[in-house]
Amino acid sequence: MKFRFIHAEKSSMPVAFMCRQLGVSRSGDYAWANRPARPAGGVC
């Protein structure tokens, strides 16, 4: 959920700032953004 928020707001705030405030790493954010989408329903 944190990474989804970061991507929704990245045009209005720096990603590094949001990662720091939310307690997540920038590398984790990058990995989340490049992960393939899961199928609807959430469980494979």
PDB file of N, CA and C in Angstrom:
ATOM      1  N   MET A   1       0.815  -1.181   0.000  1.00  0.00           N
ATOM      2  CA  MET A   1       0.000   0.000   0.000  1.00  0.00           C
ATOM      3  C   MET A   1       0.872   1.264   0.000  1.00  0.00           C
ATOM      4  N   LYS A   2       2.001   1.220   0.693  1.00  0.00           N
ATOM      5  CA  LYS A   2       2.889   2.390   0.728  1.00  0.00           C
ATOM      6  C   LYS A   2       3.448   2.688  -0.648  1.00  0.00           C
ATOM      7  N   PHE A   3       3.851   1.641  -1.354  1.00  0.00           N
ATOM      8  CA  PHE A   3       4.428   1.854  -2.675  1.00  0.00           C
ATOM      9  C   PHE A   3       3.375   2.374  -3.654  1.00  0.00           C
ATOM     10  N   ARG A   4       2.158   1.912  -3.519  1.00  0.00           N
ATOM     11  CA  ARG A   4       1.081   2.408  -4.374  1.00  0.00           C
ATOM     12  C   ARG A   4       0.872   3.902  -4.137  1.00  0.00           C
ATOM     13  N   PHE A   5       0.925   4.312  -2.871  1.00  0.00           N
ATOM     14  CA  PHE A   5       0.795   5.744  -2.531  1.00  0.00           C
ATOM     15  C   PHE A   5       1.941   6.544  -3.143  1.00  0.00           C
ATOM     16  N   ILE A   6       3.154   6.034  -3.023  1.00  0.00           N
ATOM     17  CA  ILE A   6       4.320   6.733  -3.562  1.00  0.00           C
ATOM     18  C   ILE A   6       4.144   6.966  -5.058  1.00  0.00           C
ATOM     19  N   HIS A   7       3.700   5.939  -5.768  1.00  0.00           N
ATOM     20  CA  HIS A   7       3.550   6.091  -7.212  1.00  0.00           C
ATOM     21  C   HIS A   7       2.399   7.012  -7.576  1.00  0.00           C
ATOM     22  N   ALA A   8       1.384   7.068  -6.744  1.00  0.00           N
ATOM     23  CA  ALA A   8       0.264   7.972  -7.014  1.00  0.00           C
ATOM     24  C   ALA A   8       0.660   9.429  -6.798  1.00  0.00           C
ATOM     25  N   GLU A   9       1.581   9.669  -5.875  1.00  0.00           N
ATOM     26  CA  GLU A   9       1.941  11.037  -5.495  1.00  0.00           C
ATOM     27  C   GLU A   9       3.297  11.498  -6.016  1.00  0.00           C
ATOM     28  N   LYS A  10       3.987  10.679  -6.805  1.00  0.00           N
ATOM     29  CA  LYS A  10       5.357  11.022  -7.191  1.00  0.00           C
ATOM     30  C   LYS A  10       5.470  12.274  -8.045  1.00  0.00           C
ATOM     31  N   SER A  11       4.378  12.714  -8.632  1.00  0.00           N
ATOM     32  CA  SER A  11       4.453  13.953  -9.414  1.00  0.00           C
ATOM     33  C   SER A  11       4.389  15.194  -8.526  1.00  0.00           C
ATOM     34  N   SER A  12       3.944  15.023  -7.277  1.00  0.00           N
ATOM     35  CA  SER A  12       3.827  16.175  -6.391  1.00  0.00           C
ATOM     36  C   SER A  12       4.891  16.233  -5.291  1.00  0.00           C
ATOM     37  N   MET A  13       5.574  15.115  -5.028  1.00  0.00           N
ATOM     38  CA  MET A  13       6.610  15.072  -3.990  1.00  0.00           C
ATOM     39  C   MET A  13       7.754  14.192  -4.467  1.00  0.00           C
ATOM     40  N   PRO A  14       8.976  14.474  -4.022  1.00  0.00           N
ATOM     41  CA  PRO A  14      10.107  13.620  -4.393  1.00  0.00           C
ATOM     42  C   PRO A  14       9.957  12.200  -3.824  1.00  0.00           C
ATOM     43  N   VAL A  15      10.285  11.206  -4.626  1.00  0.00           N
ATOM     44  CA  VAL A  15      10.166   9.812  -4.212  1.00  0.00           C
ATOM     45  C   VAL A  15      11.055   9.530  -2.995  1.00  0.00           C
ATOM     46  N   ALA A  16      12.275  10.057  -3.000  1.00  0.00           N
ATOM     47  CA  ALA A  16      13.190   9.818  -1.878  1.00  0.00           C
ATOM     48  C   ALA A  16      12.597  10.338  -0.569  1.00  0.00           C
ATOM     49  N   PHE A  17      11.972  11.497  -0.610  1.00  0.00           N
ATOM     50  CA  PHE A  17      11.349  12.067   0.585  1.00  0.00           C
ATOM     51  C   PHE A  17      10.225  11.167   1.095  1.00  0.00           C
ATOM     52  N   MET A  18       9.355  10.728   0.183  1.00  0.00           N
ATOM     53  CA  MET A  18       8.227   9.881   0.601  1.00  0.00           C
ATOM     54  C   MET A  18       8.716   8.544   1.144  1.00  0.00           C
ATOM     55  N   CYS A  19       9.728   7.954   0.514  1.00  0.00           N
ATOM     56  CA  CYS A  19      10.271   6.688   1.015  1.00  0.00           C
ATOM     57  C   CYS A  19      10.810   6.855   2.426  1.00  0.00           C
ATOM     58  N   ARG A  20      11.529   7.948   2.642  1.00  0.00           N
ATOM     59  CA  ARG A  20      12.095   8.209   3.967  1.00  0.00           C
ATOM     60  C   ARG A  20      10.980   8.379   5.003  1.00  0.00           C
ATOM     61  N   GLN A  21       9.957   9.144   4.673  1.00  0.00           N
ATOM     62  CA  GLN A  21       8.859   9.403   5.609  1.00  0.00           C
ATOM     63  C   GLN A  21       8.035   8.149   5.893  1.00  0.00           C
ATOM     64  N   LEU A  22       7.900   7.286   4.904  1.00  0.00           N
ATOM     65  CA  LEU A  22       7.093   6.077   5.066  1.00  0.00           C
ATOM     66  C   LEU A  22       7.902   4.884   5.570  1.00  0.00           C
ATOM     67  N   GLY A  23       9.214   5.058   5.678  1.00  0.00           N
ATOM     68  CA  GLY A  23      10.064   4.003   6.217  1.00  0.00           C
ATOM     69  C   GLY A  23      10.293   2.843   5.266  1.00  0.00           C
ATOM     70  N   VAL A  24      10.349   3.144   3.965  1.00  0.00           N
ATOM     71  CA  VAL A  24      10.642   2.110   2.970  1.00  0.00           C
ATOM     72  C   VAL A  24      11.874   2.529   2.180  1.00  0.00           C
ATOM     73  N   SER A  25      12.495   1.556   1.521  1.00  0.00           N
ATOM     74  CA  SER A  25      13.699   1.869   0.749  1.00  0.00           C
ATOM     75  C   SER A  25      13.328   2.248  -0.679  1.00  0.00           C
ATOM     76  N   ARG A  26      14.174   3.066  -1.286  1.00  0.00           N
ATOM     77  CA  ARG A  26      13.956   3.419  -2.689  1.00  0.00           C
ATOM     78  C   ARG A  26      14.124   2.191  -3.566  1.00  0.00           C
ATOM     79  N   SER A  27      15.030   1.292  -3.185  1.00  0.00           N
ATOM     80  CA  SER A  27      15.212   0.078  -3.986  1.00  0.00           C
ATOM     81  C   SER A  27      13.977  -0.814  -3.905  1.00  0.00           C
ATOM     82  N   GLY A  28      13.328  -0.848  -2.758  1.00  0.00           N
ATOM     83  CA  GLY A  28      12.082  -1.605  -2.622  1.00  0.00           C
ATOM     84  C   GLY A  28      10.986  -1.011  -3.486  1.00  0.00           C
ATOM     85  N   ASP A  29      10.948   0.320  -3.560  1.00  0.00           N
ATOM     86  CA  ASP A  29       9.969   0.998  -4.402  1.00  0.00           C
ATOM     87  C   ASP A  29      10.229   0.670  -5.864  1.00  0.00           C
ATOM     88  N   TYR A  30      11.475   0.700  -6.265  1.00  0.00           N
ATOM     89  CA  TYR A  30      11.839   0.389  -7.653  1.00  0.00           C
ATOM     90  C   TYR A  30      11.466  -1.060  -7.978  1.00  0.00           C
ATOM     91  N   ALA A  31      11.748  -1.990  -7.061  1.00  0.00           N
ATOM     92  CA  ALA A  31      11.416  -3.399  -7.277  1.00  0.00           C
ATOM     93  C   ALA A  31       9.905  -3.582  -7.385  1.00  0.00           C
ATOM     94  N   TRP A  32       9.152  -2.892  -6.546  1.00  0.00           N
ATOM     95  CA  TRP A  32       7.696  -2.989  -6.597  1.00  0.00           C
ATOM     96  C   TRP A  32       7.172  -2.488  -7.939  1.00  0.00           C
ATOM     97  N   ALA A  33       7.710  -1.395  -8.418  1.00  0.00           N
ATOM     98  CA  ALA A  33       7.247  -0.798  -9.672  1.00  0.00           C
ATOM     99  C   ALA A  33       7.533  -1.711 -10.867  1.00  0.00           C
ATOM    100  N   ASN A  34       8.576  -2.511 -10.795  1.00  0.00           N
ATOM    101  CA  ASN A  34       8.958  -3.368 -11.912  1.00  0.00           C
ATOM    102  C   ASN A  34       8.489  -4.810 -11.772  1.00  0.00           C
ATOM    103  N   ARG A  35       7.723  -5.080 -10.722  1.00  0.00           N
ATOM    104  CA  ARG A  35       7.188  -6.422 -10.504  1.00  0.00           C
ATOM    105  C   ARG A  35       5.994  -6.639 -11.428  1.00  0.00           C
ATOM    106  N   PRO A  36       5.837  -7.846 -11.987  1.00  0.00           N
ATOM    107  CA  PRO A  36       4.661  -8.093 -12.828  1.00  0.00           C
ATOM    108  C   PRO A  36       3.373  -8.021 -11.991  1.00  0.00           C
ATOM    109  N   ALA A  37       2.309  -7.577 -12.619  1.00  0.00           N
ATOM    110  CA  ALA A  37       1.021  -7.452 -11.919  1.00  0.00           C
ATOM    111  C   ALA A  37       0.505  -8.836 -11.528  1.00  0.00           C
ATOM    112  N   ARG A  38      -0.113  -8.913 -10.347  1.00  0.00           N
ATOM    113  CA  ARG A  38      -0.724 -10.170  -9.907  1.00  0.00           C
ATOM    114  C   ARG A  38      -2.119 -10.274 -10.513  1.00  0.00           C
ATOM    115  N   PRO A  39      -2.588 -11.502 -10.693  1.00  0.00           N
ATOM    116  CA  PRO A  39      -3.939 -11.657 -11.226  1.00  0.00           C
ATOM    117  C   PRO A  39      -4.989 -11.139 -10.240  1.00  0.00           C
ATOM    118  N   ALA A  40      -6.138 -10.762 -10.739  1.00  0.00           N
ATOM    119  CA  ALA A  40      -7.225 -10.292  -9.875  1.00  0.00           C
ATOM    120  C   ALA A  40      -7.570 -11.388  -8.881  1.00  0.00           C
ATOM    121  N   GLY A  41      -7.866 -11.005  -7.664  1.00  0.00           N
ATOM    122  CA  GLY A  41      -8.151 -11.983  -6.614  1.00  0.00           C
ATOM    123  C   GLY A  41      -7.012 -12.065  -5.615  1.00  0.00           C
ATOM    124  N   GLY A  42      -5.805 -11.701  -6.025  1.00  0.00           N
ATOM    125  CA  GLY A  42      -4.694 -11.585  -5.104  1.00  0.00           C
ATOM    126  C   GLY A  42      -3.934 -12.851  -4.794  1.00  0.00           C
ATOM    127  N   VAL A  43      -4.499 -14.046  -5.055  1.00  0.00           N
ATOM    128  CA  VAL A  43      -3.793 -15.282  -4.739  1.00  0.00           C
ATOM    129  C   VAL A  43      -3.548 -16.035  -6.032  1.00  0.00           C
ATOM    130  N   CYS A  44      -2.306 -16.469  -6.184  1.00  0.00           N
ATOM    131  CA  CYS A  44      -1.969 -17.192  -7.433  1.00  0.00           C
ATOM    132  C   CYS A  44      -2.443 -18.614  -7.396  1.00  0.00           C
TER     133      CYS A  44
END
